[in-house]
Every structure is written in C-alpha cells, then in structure tokens.
C-alpha atoms as a PDB file:
ATOM      1  CA  MET A   1      47.809 109.897 -29.498  1.00  0.00           C
ATOM      2  CA  TRP A   2      48.438 107.905 -26.364  1.00  0.00           C
ATOM      3  CA  LEU A   3      51.904 107.761 -24.754  1.00  0.00           C
ATOM      4  CA  LEU A   4      53.150 104.923 -22.575  1.00  0.00           C
ATOM      5  CA  GLY A   5      54.015 106.050 -19.053  1.00  0.00           C
ATOM      6  CA  PRO A   6      57.486 105.789 -17.527  1.00  0.00           C
ATOM      7  CA  LEU A   7      58.660 102.449 -16.220  1.00  0.00           C
ATOM      8  CA  CYS A   8      59.763 101.930 -12.630  1.00  0.00           C
ATOM      9  CA  VAL A   9      63.493 101.846 -12.058  1.00  0.00           C
ATOM     10  CA  GLY A  10      65.463  99.968  -9.435  1.00  0.00           C
ATOM     11  CA  ALA A  11      68.187 102.558  -8.858  1.00  0.00           C
ATOM     12  CA  ALA A  12      68.434 106.324  -8.729  1.00  0.00           C
ATOM     13  CA  ILE A  13      69.081 107.514 -12.285  1.00  0.00           C
ATOM     14  CA  LEU A  14      69.620 110.979 -13.755  1.00  0.00           C
ATOM     15  CA  PHE A  15      69.923 111.302 -17.517  1.00  0.00           C
ATOM     16  CA  SER A  16      72.648 113.699 -18.576  1.00  0.00           C
ATOM     17  CA  THR A  17      72.206 116.491 -21.075  1.00  0.00           C
ATOM     18  CA  ILE A  18      73.890 115.709 -24.400  1.00  0.00           C
ATOM     19  CA  THR A  19      75.147 118.652 -26.427  1.00  0.00           C
ATOM     20  CA  ALA A  20      74.593 118.949 -30.168  1.00  0.00           C
ATOM     21  CA  GLY A  21      78.047 117.503 -30.731  1.00  0.00           C
ATOM     22  CA  GLY A  22      77.206 114.479 -28.636  1.00  0.00           C
ATOM     23  CA  ALA A  23      79.248 115.382 -25.562  1.00  0.00           C
ATOM     24  CA  GLU A  24      77.853 115.456 -22.049  1.00  0.00           C
ATOM     25  CA  ALA A  25      77.319 118.906 -20.607  1.00  0.00           C
ATOM     26  CA  SER A  26      79.974 119.938 -18.105  1.00  0.00           C
ATOM     27  CA  THR A  27      79.238 119.106 -14.459  1.00  0.00           C
ATOM     28  CA  GLY A  28      82.177 120.874 -12.860  1.00  0.00           C
ATOM     29  CA  GLY A  29      85.941 121.266 -12.869  1.00  0.00           C
ATOM     30  CA  ALA A  30      88.278 118.325 -13.448  1.00  0.00           C
ATOM     31  CA  VAL A  31      89.930 116.608 -10.490  1.00  0.00           C
ATOM     32  CA  ALA A  32      93.565 115.549 -10.816  1.00  0.00           C
ATOM     33  CA  PRO A  33      93.849 111.776 -10.189  1.00  0.00           C
ATOM     34  CA  ALA A  34      95.433 110.801  -6.894  1.00  0.00           C
ATOM     35  CA  ALA A  35      98.079 108.138  -6.687  1.00  0.00           C
ATOM     36  CA  GLY A  36      97.273 104.652  -5.417  1.00  0.00           C
ATOM     37  CA  ARG A  37      94.528 102.140  -5.919  1.00  0.00           C
ATOM     38  CA  GLY A  38      91.096 103.361  -6.943  1.00  0.00           C
ATOM     39  CA  PRO A  39      87.637 101.840  -7.459  1.00  0.00           C
ATOM     40  CA  VAL A  40      87.462  98.369  -9.037  1.00  0.00           C
ATOM     41  CA  LEU A  41      84.708  96.964 -11.237  1.00  0.00           C
ATOM     42  CA  THR A  42      83.851  93.529  -9.841  1.00  0.00           C
ATOM     43  CA  SER A  43      80.994  92.644 -12.219  1.00  0.00           C
ATOM     44  CA  PHE A  44      79.207  94.000 -15.290  1.00  0.00           C
ATOM     45  CA  THR A  45      76.368  92.106 -16.994  1.00  0.00           C
ATOM     46  CA  LEU A  46      73.823  93.044 -19.662  1.00  0.00           C
ATOM     47  CA  ARG A  47      70.621  91.009 -19.513  1.00  0.00           C
ATOM     48  CA  ARG A  48      68.315  90.853 -22.552  1.00  0.00           C
ATOM     49  CA  PRO A  49      70.698  92.451 -25.078  1.00  0.00           C
ATOM     50  CA  ARG A  50      67.863  92.567 -27.651  1.00  0.00           C
ATOM     51  CA  LEU A  51      65.704  95.480 -26.514  1.00  0.00           C
ATOM     52  CA  LEU A  52      62.238  96.287 -27.855  1.00  0.00           C
ATOM     53  CA  LEU A  53      61.179  99.921 -27.557  1.00  0.00           C
ATOM     54  CA  TYR A  54      58.125 100.055 -25.240  1.00  0.00           C
ATOM     55  CA  GLY A  55      58.773  96.397 -24.476  1.00  0.00           C
ATOM     56  CA  ARG A  56      60.324  94.626 -21.519  1.00  0.00           C
ATOM     57  CA  PRO A  57      63.406  96.601 -20.422  1.00  0.00           C
ATOM     58  CA  SER A  58      66.918  95.274 -20.705  1.00  0.00           C
ATOM     59  CA  GLU A  59      68.980  95.408 -17.518  1.00  0.00           C
ATOM     60  CA  VAL A  60      72.558  96.287 -16.644  1.00  0.00           C
ATOM     61  CA  SER A  61      73.867  94.966 -13.343  1.00  0.00           C
ATOM     62  CA  PHE A  62      77.259  95.853 -11.912  1.00  0.00           C
ATOM     63  CA  GLY A  63      79.354  95.861  -8.777  1.00  0.00           C
ATOM     64  CA  ILE A  64      82.084  98.315  -7.730  1.00  0.00           C
ATOM     65  CA  ARG A  65      84.549  97.948  -4.855  1.00  0.00           C
ATOM     66  CA  SER A  66      86.019 101.196  -3.524  1.00  0.00           C
ATOM     67  CA  ARG A  67      87.566 102.324  -0.247  1.00  0.00           C
ATOM     68  CA  ALA A  68      86.899 105.977  -0.999  1.00  0.00           C
ATOM     69  CA  ARG A  69      83.487 107.491  -1.709  1.00  0.00           C
ATOM     70  CA  LEU A  70      82.604 107.576  -5.403  1.00  0.00           C
ATOM     71  CA  ALA A  71      82.212 110.937  -7.138  1.00  0.00           C
ATOM     72  CA  TYR A  72      80.223 109.543 -10.067  1.00  0.00           C
ATOM     73  CA  VAL A  73      79.150 106.388 -11.885  1.00  0.00           C
ATOM     74  CA  ARG A  74      78.093 106.611 -15.535  1.00  0.00           C
ATOM     75  CA  ILE A  75      77.004 104.353 -18.379  1.00  0.00           C
ATOM     76  CA  ALA A  76      77.639 105.733 -21.861  1.00  0.00           C
ATOM     77  CA  ILE A  77      75.353 104.490 -24.662  1.00  0.00           C
ATOM     78  CA  THR A  78      77.056 104.898 -28.043  1.00  0.00           C
ATOM     79  CA  ARG A  79      75.485 104.010 -31.364  1.00  0.00           C
ATOM     80  CA  ARG A  80      77.526 101.758 -33.609  1.00  0.00           C
ATOM     81  CA  GLY A  81      79.867 103.827 -35.777  1.00  0.00           C
ATOM     82  CA  ALA A  82      79.404 107.005 -33.723  1.00  0.00           C
ATOM     83  CA  ALA A  83      82.355 108.817 -32.178  1.00  0.00           C
ATOM     84  CA  ARG A  84      80.452 110.198 -29.183  1.00  0.00           C
ATOM     85  CA  PRO A  85      77.773 108.791 -26.859  1.00  0.00           C
ATOM     86  CA  THR A  86      74.134 109.123 -27.839  1.00  0.00           C
ATOM     87  CA  ALA A  87      73.149 109.206 -24.166  1.00  0.00           C
ATOM     88  CA  ILE A  88      74.880 109.097 -20.795  1.00  0.00           C
ATOM     89  CA  ILE A  89      73.148 107.689 -17.722  1.00  0.00           C
ATOM     90  CA  ARG A  90      74.394 109.117 -14.432  1.00  0.00           C
ATOM     91  CA  LEU A  91      73.860 106.653 -11.594  1.00  0.00           C
ATOM     92  CA  ASP A  92      73.790 106.701  -7.821  1.00  0.00           C
ATOM     93  CA  ALA A  93      77.289 107.605  -6.626  1.00  0.00           C
ATOM     94  CA  ASN A  94      76.687 105.582  -3.445  1.00  0.00           C
ATOM     95  CA  ALA A  95      76.921 102.388  -5.479  1.00  0.00           C
ATOM     96  CA  ALA A  96      80.173 101.059  -4.049  1.00  0.00           C
ATOM     97  CA  GLY A  97      80.040  97.804  -2.151  1.00  0.00           C
ATOM     98  CA  ARG A  98      76.678  96.569  -3.418  1.00  0.00           C
ATOM     99  CA  GLU A  99      75.315  95.070  -6.616  1.00  0.00           C
ATOM    100  CA  GLN A 100      73.235  97.531  -8.653  1.00  0.00           C
ATOM    101  CA  ALA A 101      70.646  96.855 -11.367  1.00  0.00           C
ATOM    102  CA  VAL A 102      69.674  99.532 -13.916  1.00  0.00           C
ATOM    103  CA  PRO A 103      66.829  99.126 -16.460  1.00  0.00           C
ATOM    104  CA  LEU A 104      67.353 100.219 -20.068  1.00  0.00           C
ATOM    105  CA  THR A 105      64.238 101.187 -22.016  1.00  0.00           C
ATOM    106  CA  GLY A 106      65.593 102.787 -25.211  1.00  0.00           C
ATOM    107  CA  ARG A 107      64.171 106.127 -24.067  1.00  0.00           C
ATOM    108  CA  GLU A 108      67.209 107.331 -22.169  1.00  0.00           C
ATOM    109  CA  ALA A 109      67.484 110.497 -24.305  1.00  0.00           C
ATOM    110  CA  GLY A 110      64.088 110.532 -25.959  1.00  0.00           C
ATOM    111  CA  ASN A 111      63.457 107.501 -28.159  1.00  0.00           C
ATOM    112  CA  LEU A 112      66.925 106.321 -29.194  1.00  0.00           C
ATOM    113  CA  PRO A 113      67.281 105.512 -32.908  1.00  0.00           C
ATOM    114  CA  GLU A 114      66.901 101.877 -33.865  1.00  0.00           C
ATOM    115  CA  GLY A 115      70.223 100.085 -34.195  1.00  0.00           C
ATOM    116  CA  SER A 116      73.207  98.578 -32.391  1.00  0.00           C
ATOM    117  CA  TYR A 117      74.797 100.241 -29.362  1.00  0.00           C
ATOM    118  CA  ARG A 118      77.867  99.841 -27.175  1.00  0.00           C
ATOM    119  CA  LEU A 119      77.464 100.305 -23.429  1.00  0.00           C
ATOM    120  CA  ARG A 120      80.428 101.303 -21.278  1.00  0.00           C
ATOM    121  CA  ILE A 121      80.512 101.900 -17.534  1.00  0.00           C
ATOM    122  CA  SER A 122      82.908 104.401 -15.969  1.00  0.00           C
ATOM    123  CA  ALA A 123      83.399 105.818 -12.490  1.00  0.00           C
ATOM    124  CA  ARG A 124      85.736 107.953 -10.415  1.00  0.00           C
ATOM    125  CA  ASP A 125      86.169 108.361  -6.685  1.00  0.00           C
ATOM    126  CA  VAL A 126      86.403 111.653  -4.798  1.00  0.00           C
ATOM    127  CA  ARG A 127      90.210 111.455  -4.946  1.00  0.00           C
ATOM    128  CA  GLY A 128      90.036 111.530  -8.757  1.00  0.00           C
ATOM    129  CA  ARG A 129      90.947 107.869  -9.316  1.00  0.00           C
ATOM    130  CA  ARG A 130      89.255 106.204 -12.270  1.00  0.00           C
ATOM    131  CA  LEU A 131      87.463 102.864 -12.298  1.00  0.00           C
ATOM    132  CA  ARG A 132      89.666  99.854 -13.022  1.00  0.00           C
ATOM    133  CA  ARG A 133      88.430  96.494 -14.245  1.00  0.00           C
ATOM    134  CA  GLY A 134      88.854  93.463 -12.054  1.00  0.00           C
ATOM    135  CA  ALA A 135      90.503  90.346 -13.446  1.00  0.00           C
ATOM    136  CA  GLY A 136      88.411  88.908 -16.295  1.00  0.00           C
ATOM    137  CA  ILE A 137      85.726  91.622 -15.982  1.00  0.00           C
ATOM    138  CA  SER A 138      84.528  93.559 -19.027  1.00  0.00           C
ATOM    139  CA  SER A 139      83.259  97.134 -18.702  1.00  0.00           C
ATOM    140  CA  THR A 140      81.288  97.065 -21.982  1.00  0.00           C
ATOM    141  CA  GLY A 141      78.248  95.370 -23.499  1.00  0.00           C
ATOM    142  CA  ARG A 142      76.418  95.244 -26.814  1.00  0.00           C
ATOM    143  CA  LEU A 143      72.754  96.188 -27.159  1.00  0.00           C
ATOM    144  CA  THR A 144      70.410  95.954 -30.161  1.00  0.00           C
ATOM    145  CA  LEU A 145      67.379  98.261 -30.087  1.00  0.00           C
ATOM    146  CA  LEU A 146      64.294  97.538 -32.214  1.00  0.00           C
ATOM    147  CA  HIS A 147      61.334  99.918 -32.476  1.00  0.00           C
ATOM    148  CA  HIS A 148      58.852  97.306 -33.728  1.00  0.00           C
ATOM    149  CA  LEU A 149      58.362  93.541 -33.785  1.00  0.00           C
ATOM    150  CA  PHE A 150      56.860  91.265 -36.425  1.00  0.00           C
ATOM    151  CA  PRO A 151      53.268  90.494 -35.323  1.00  0.00           C
ATOM    152  CA  LEU A 152      53.402  86.691 -35.751  1.00  0.00           C
ATOM    153  CA  GLY A 153      55.314  84.288 -33.539  1.00  0.00           C
ATOM    154  CA  GLY A 154      55.529  81.423 -36.037  1.00  0.00           C
ATOM    155  CA  PRO A 155      55.787  80.416 -39.718  1.00  0.00           C
ATOM    156  CA  PHE A 156      53.612  82.295 -42.200  1.00  0.00           C
ATOM    157  CA  THR A 157      53.160  83.143 -45.875  1.00  0.00           C
ATOM    158  CA  TYR A 158      51.965  86.368 -47.483  1.00  0.00           C
ATOM    159  CA  GLY A 159      49.676  84.535 -49.899  1.00  0.00           C
ATOM    160  CA  GLY A 160      48.844  85.629 -53.410  1.00  0.00           C
ATOM    161  CA  SER A 161      47.781  88.912 -54.970  1.00  0.00           C
ATOM    162  CA  ASP A 162      44.312  88.694 -53.420  1.00  0.00           C
ATOM    163  CA  ALA A 163      45.925  88.878 -49.954  1.00  0.00           C
ATOM    164  CA  ARG A 164      47.647  92.179 -50.692  1.00  0.00           C
ATOM    165  CA  PHE A 165      46.643  95.669 -49.660  1.00  0.00           C
ATOM    166  CA  GLY A 166      44.335  97.227 -52.266  1.00  0.00           C
ATOM    167  CA  ALA A 167      43.105  93.930 -53.724  1.00  0.00           C
ATOM    168  CA  GLY A 168      39.531  94.046 -54.953  1.00  0.00           C
ATOM    169  CA  ARG A 169      36.712  93.077 -52.581  1.00  0.00           C
ATOM    170  CA  THR A 170      32.950  93.264 -53.000  1.00  0.00           C
ATOM    171  CA  GLY A 171      32.114  96.934 -52.567  1.00  0.00           C
ATOM    172  CA  HIS A 172      35.575  97.972 -51.323  1.00  0.00           C
ATOM    173  CA  ALA A 173      39.327  97.440 -51.552  1.00  0.00           C
ATOM    174  CA  HIS A 174      41.335  95.251 -49.179  1.00  0.00           C
ATOM    175  CA  GLN A 175      42.615  97.524 -46.405  1.00  0.00           C
ATOM    176  CA  GLY A 176      45.409  95.360 -45.017  1.00  0.00           C
ATOM    177  CA  GLN A 177      47.762  92.451 -45.603  1.00  0.00           C
ATOM    178  CA  ASP A 178      46.742  88.842 -44.994  1.00  0.00           C
ATOM    179  CA  LEU A 179      49.310  86.543 -43.392  1.00  0.00           C
ATOM    180  CA  ALA A 180      48.414  82.864 -43.669  1.00  0.00           C
ATOM    181  CA  ALA A 181      49.532  80.843 -40.654  1.00  0.00           C
ATOM    182  CA  ALA A 182      48.460  77.813 -38.681  1.00  0.00           C
ATOM    183  CA  GLU A 183      45.501  78.343 -36.390  1.00  0.00           C
ATOM    184  CA  GLY A 184      46.793  79.062 -32.900  1.00  0.00           C
ATOM    185  CA  THR A 185      49.958  80.878 -34.055  1.00  0.00           C
ATOM    186  CA  PRO A 186      50.684  83.657 -31.510  1.00  0.00           C
ATOM    187  CA  VAL A 187      49.757  87.196 -32.585  1.00  0.00           C
ATOM    188  CA  LEU A 188      52.069  89.735 -30.935  1.00  0.00           C
ATOM    189  CA  ALA A 189      51.940  93.494 -30.393  1.00  0.00           C
ATOM    190  CA  PRO A 190      54.337  95.065 -32.926  1.00  0.00           C
ATOM    191  CA  ARG A 191      54.505  98.109 -30.652  1.00  0.00           C
ATOM    192  CA  GLY A 192      53.563  98.690 -27.029  1.00  0.00           C
ATOM    193  CA  GLY A 193      50.541 100.860 -26.467  1.00  0.00           C
ATOM    194  CA  LEU A 194      46.896 101.076 -25.471  1.00  0.00           C
ATOM    195  CA  VAL A 195      44.258  98.546 -26.489  1.00  0.00           C
ATOM    196  CA  LYS A 196      41.447 100.672 -27.992  1.00  0.00           C
ATOM    197  CA  ALA A 197      39.027  97.939 -29.022  1.00  0.00           C
ATOM    198  CA  VAL A 198      38.368  94.231 -28.518  1.00  0.00           C
ATOM    199  CA  GLN A 199      35.292  93.402 -30.583  1.00  0.00           C
ATOM    200  CA  TYR A 200      33.554  90.768 -32.712  1.00  0.00           C
ATOM    201  CA  GLN A 201      32.045  91.177 -36.172  1.00  0.00           C
ATOM    202  CA  ALA A 202      30.364  88.022 -37.446  1.00  0.00           C
ATOM    203  CA  ALA A 203      30.014  89.143 -41.070  1.00  0.00           C
ATOM    204  CA  GLY A 204      33.498  90.641 -41.372  1.00  0.00           C
ATOM    205  CA  ALA A 205      36.507  90.885 -39.080  1.00  0.00           C
ATOM    206  CA  GLY A 206      35.527  88.142 -36.649  1.00  0.00           C
ATOM    207  CA  HIS A 207      37.312  88.595 -33.334  1.00  0.00           C
ATOM    208  CA  TYR A 208      39.548  91.664 -33.676  1.00  0.00           C
ATOM    209  CA  VAL A 209      41.779  93.983 -31.639  1.00  0.00           C
ATOM    210  CA  VAL A 210      42.771  97.625 -32.264  1.00  0.00           C
ATOM    211  CA  LEU A 211      46.031  98.826 -30.672  1.00  0.00           C
ATOM    212  CA  ASP A 212      47.098 102.481 -30.360  1.00  0.00           C
ATOM    213  CA  GLY A 213      50.905 102.492 -30.721  1.00  0.00           C
ATOM    214  CA  ALA A 214      52.863 104.281 -27.986  1.00  0.00           C
ATOM    215  CA  GLY A 215      54.869 107.345 -28.973  1.00  0.00           C
ATOM    216  CA  GLU A 216      53.578 107.405 -32.556  1.00  0.00           C
ATOM    217  CA  ARG A 217      50.396 108.372 -34.376  1.00  0.00           C
ATOM    218  CA  ARG A 218      49.434 104.887 -35.518  1.00  0.00           C
ATOM    219  CA  ASP A 219      46.795 102.265 -34.832  1.00  0.00           C
ATOM    220  CA  TYR A 220      47.381  98.566 -35.541  1.00  0.00           C
ATOM    221  CA  VAL A 221      44.444  96.250 -36.282  1.00  0.00           C
ATOM    222  CA  PHE A 222      44.415  92.442 -35.962  1.00  0.00           C
ATOM    223  CA  MET A 223      41.437  90.521 -37.417  1.00  0.00           C
ATOM    224  CA  HIS A 224      39.994  86.976 -37.590  1.00  0.00           C
ATOM    225  CA  LEU A 225      41.535  86.000 -34.251  1.00  0.00           C
ATOM    226  CA  ARG A 226      40.791  82.619 -32.756  1.00  0.00           C
ATOM    227  CA  THR A 227      37.765  82.399 -30.459  1.00  0.00           C
ATOM    228  CA  GLY A 228      38.814  82.571 -26.816  1.00  0.00           C
ATOM    229  CA  SER A 229      42.431  83.460 -27.606  1.00  0.00           C
ATOM    230  CA  ILE A 230      42.425  87.194 -26.790  1.00  0.00           C
ATOM    231  CA  PRO A 231      44.016  87.830 -23.353  1.00  0.00           C
ATOM    232  CA  VAL A 232      43.827  91.642 -23.480  1.00  0.00           C
ATOM    233  CA  SER A 233      40.929  94.005 -22.835  1.00  0.00           C
ATOM    234  CA  GLU A 234      39.938  97.510 -23.895  1.00  0.00           C
ATOM    235  CA  GLY A 235      41.880 100.179 -22.016  1.00  0.00           C
ATOM    236  CA  GLN A 236      44.762  97.842 -21.176  1.00  0.00           C
ATOM    237  CA  THR A 237      48.381  98.863 -21.638  1.00  0.00           C
ATOM    238  CA  VAL A 238      50.534  96.271 -23.416  1.00  0.00           C
ATOM    239  CA  ARG A 239      54.254  95.990 -24.134  1.00  0.00           C
ATOM    240  CA  THR A 240      55.890  95.444 -27.509  1.00  0.00           C
ATOM    241  CA  GLY A 241      55.887  91.687 -28.093  1.00  0.00           C
ATOM    242  CA  GLN A 242      53.015  90.967 -25.715  1.00  0.00           C
ATOM    243  CA  LEU A 243      50.435  88.380 -26.783  1.00  0.00           C
ATOM    244  CA  ILE A 244      47.390  89.950 -28.440  1.00  0.00           C
ATOM    245  CA  GLY A 245      45.658  86.730 -29.456  1.00  0.00           C
ATOM    246  CA  GLU A 246      46.069  83.773 -31.814  1.00  0.00           C
ATOM    247  CA  VAL A 247      45.593  83.319 -35.546  1.00  0.00           C
ATOM    248  CA  GLY A 248      42.082  82.101 -36.232  1.00  0.00           C
ATOM    249  CA  ASN A 249      39.405  81.740 -38.880  1.00  0.00           C
ATOM    250  CA  THR A 250      36.545  83.756 -37.396  1.00  0.00           C
ATOM    251  CA  GLY A 251      34.157  86.114 -39.162  1.00  0.00           C
ATOM    252  CA  ARG A 252      34.200  86.299 -42.936  1.00  0.00           C
ATOM    253  CA  SER A 253      37.307  84.200 -43.518  1.00  0.00           C
ATOM    254  CA  ARG A 254      38.262  81.344 -45.843  1.00  0.00           C
ATOM    255  CA  GLY A 255      41.101  79.811 -43.882  1.00  0.00           C
ATOM    256  CA  ALA A 256      43.284  80.544 -40.872  1.00  0.00           C
ATOM    257  CA  HIS A 257      45.123  83.845 -41.269  1.00  0.00           C
ATOM    258  CA  LEU A 258      45.854  87.205 -39.667  1.00  0.00           C
ATOM    259  CA  HIS A 259      44.440  90.258 -41.415  1.00  0.00           C
ATOM    260  CA  PHE A 260      46.747  93.116 -40.365  1.00  0.00           C
ATOM    261  CA  GLU A 261      46.192  96.841 -40.866  1.00  0.00           C
ATOM    262  CA  ILE A 262      48.115 100.054 -40.088  1.00  0.00           C
ATOM    263  CA  TRP A 263      46.252 103.360 -39.733  1.00  0.00           C
ATOM    264  CA  PRO A 264      48.363 106.554 -39.401  1.00  0.00           C
ATOM    265  CA  GLY A 265      46.319 109.055 -37.424  1.00  0.00           C
ATOM    266  CA  GLY A 266      43.991 106.461 -35.910  1.00  0.00           C
ATOM    267  CA  TRP A 267      41.582 103.702 -36.935  1.00  0.00           C
ATOM    268  CA  TYR A 268      38.626 105.296 -38.757  1.00  0.00           C
ATOM    269  CA  VAL A 269      39.540 108.707 -37.369  1.00  0.00           C
ATOM    270  CA  LYS A 270      38.300 111.469 -39.678  1.00  0.00           C
ATOM    271  CA  GLY A 271      40.941 112.173 -42.306  1.00  0.00           C
ATOM    272  CA  SER A 272      42.836 108.939 -41.654  1.00  0.00           C
ATOM    273  CA  GLU A 273      43.305 106.182 -44.230  1.00  0.00           C
ATOM    274  CA  PRO A 274      45.035 102.798 -43.937  1.00  0.00           C
ATOM    275  CA  ILE A 275      48.433 102.306 -45.564  1.00  0.00           C
ATOM    276  CA  ASP A 276      49.998  99.254 -47.159  1.00  0.00           C
ATOM    277  CA  PRO A 277      51.578  97.409 -44.197  1.00  0.00           C
ATOM    278  CA  ARG A 278      53.734  95.145 -46.380  1.00  0.00           C
ATOM    279  CA  PRO A 279      56.886  97.353 -46.397  1.00  0.00           C
ATOM    280  CA  GLU A 280      56.737  97.578 -42.603  1.00  0.00           C
ATOM    281  CA  LEU A 281      56.162  93.839 -42.261  1.00  0.00           C
ATOM    282  CA  ASP A 282      59.135  93.130 -44.534  1.00  0.00           C
ATOM    283  CA  ALA A 283      61.359  95.393 -42.451  1.00  0.00           C
ATOM    284  CA  TRP A 284      60.208  93.853 -39.173  1.00  0.00           C
ATOM    285  CA  ALA A 285      60.664  90.325 -40.505  1.00  0.00           C
ATOM    286  CA  GLY A 286      64.303  91.179 -41.283  1.00  0.00           C
ATOM    287  CA  SER A 287      64.195  90.263 -44.969  1.00  0.00           C
ATOM    288  CA  PRO A 288      61.906  91.423 -47.818  1.00  0.00           C
ATOM    289  CA  SER A 289      61.859  87.852 -49.175  1.00  0.00           C
ATOM    290  CA  GLN A 290      60.662  86.164 -45.965  1.00  0.00           C
ATOM    291  CA  GLY A 291      57.234  84.608 -46.321  1.00  0.00           C
ATOM    292  CA  GLN A 292      57.013  84.958 -50.129  1.00  0.00           C
END
C-alpha cells in the first residue's frame, strides 16, 4: 500500500536510537559539569498540542541563551505512564542565541502509539553545564497523538438498523455505515493518504471518493457526496483531517447522508472484503454512544 513521504523540517534533526528498555543509546563518555552559569532556556512553546498522525504537524519552538557552545540539545517524548522516553529527538547543537522551530509528526521513532505524551527539552554546553530554565519558563509540554479522525465535521446520527453494515439491500448486503447529516456537512479524511478515485455513479454511489490510508493496508470510501463539493483529485496526497467533500444526496440516495466504508487490503482488490466500520467510528468519535 501507499506510504506518505517525509515532511519538510525547519531545523536539523537526528532521531536517536532507543534501546529495548527505552533508553537512548550511548553517544560518548560523560562530562563532569563545570562550575558557574550555564545555558538558559528563554522560551519553550508547543503549538497544536493535538496531533493527527499523517496530518498537519505540531511544532515546538524554543530559545536558548548560552555563552559557551552547546554540546547537545534534545527533546524527550515520553508516553503517559511510561518511565522512559519513547523517542528522543537530537537537535542542532548550534541553536544558542536564536529561536528554533521543530515539527512533530508522530513518526519520530516509527509511528508512535496513539495516546498522551510529555515533551521535555534538555541541553548541555561543552563545559558540561546543564540547561536551566529562565524565570517563568517551562521546559515541558503535553501532546495528544491521534491516529485517525472522525470523518464528519458536524452533527450526525447513525440512523436505524437499515443504515448498518450488513443490512439487506436488493441483490446484496449493505457494505458500509450510513451517517445522516445535514447537506453540506464537511467530510474529512480520517487518515492521510493517496486519493485513488474520484468518480460518479448515477444509479448507486453518486459522487464518491476512495482514499488509500497512509502507513496501513486500508482504503476508505465516501459516497453520495454533494455535487461540486469535492476539492481533491485522483493521485492527490491529502493529510488527516483534510476536506474530502461535503455530505450530499447524490446517486441512489433517500436523504442527505454519508455512506462510509473501510476495506482492509484495498477497495475491490482480489481477496479483500469490507468490514463493519461502526466500531472504528465509535472509537474515533470518542464515545460509543455518540450519534445513537
């Protein structure tokens, strides 16, 4: 399946090796701290603390004041409840005296597990003196990483039993979940990836889009989209949360709704079958009772 390419970064970054126990691999002998004043953290800010995997990156910006050259600058990413960092980002050691901005994608050590994380910056100069925080400056931040996003950007209902996966249809079974919503409700990419198809089927799906999810063997299908609402095209790369179209009533439809399908292995690929998307939708919505 298709994999999303690496994102551009605004600073030189080298991802450290993490051992099985969670510790960073050794990079050399320890340096005894020298007496006197060392580097000072003058700012530390986390922008977009809610991060979507394969979506728009979060960003850490920081400033360090130091008279001596820095030996290292690091940001440790530690999952909530863990004793050791999940990943350590080693940054440009020539960072002193200027504001730096570092993107966070959730792929700093492979795809990080979904959950809450604590970020902590540390540094040391060549004389062995550790980074100190300036007055009122925090050296930590909190980040929430989500792997998927609910595909509707507005109120919805799941409808009755006839809207469920597997419900009887003339000549076949329902292959997805219907989500009733007002016409024009934004339809969003639940996962970044590659747009495989943007088509129209008058006697069935109406305007529809097929999305190949990045970093996973899944296709997502969105049907009955509003005429003229689809801003993406076949072969386009999209981010998690990007607009795919709007809820409509096109094709064989009896009211405004999104028909949503998930196909492990690929849409109509030989050997692939759709799965019930309801458990995934419940998880992405944050509560199994939402929309009932």
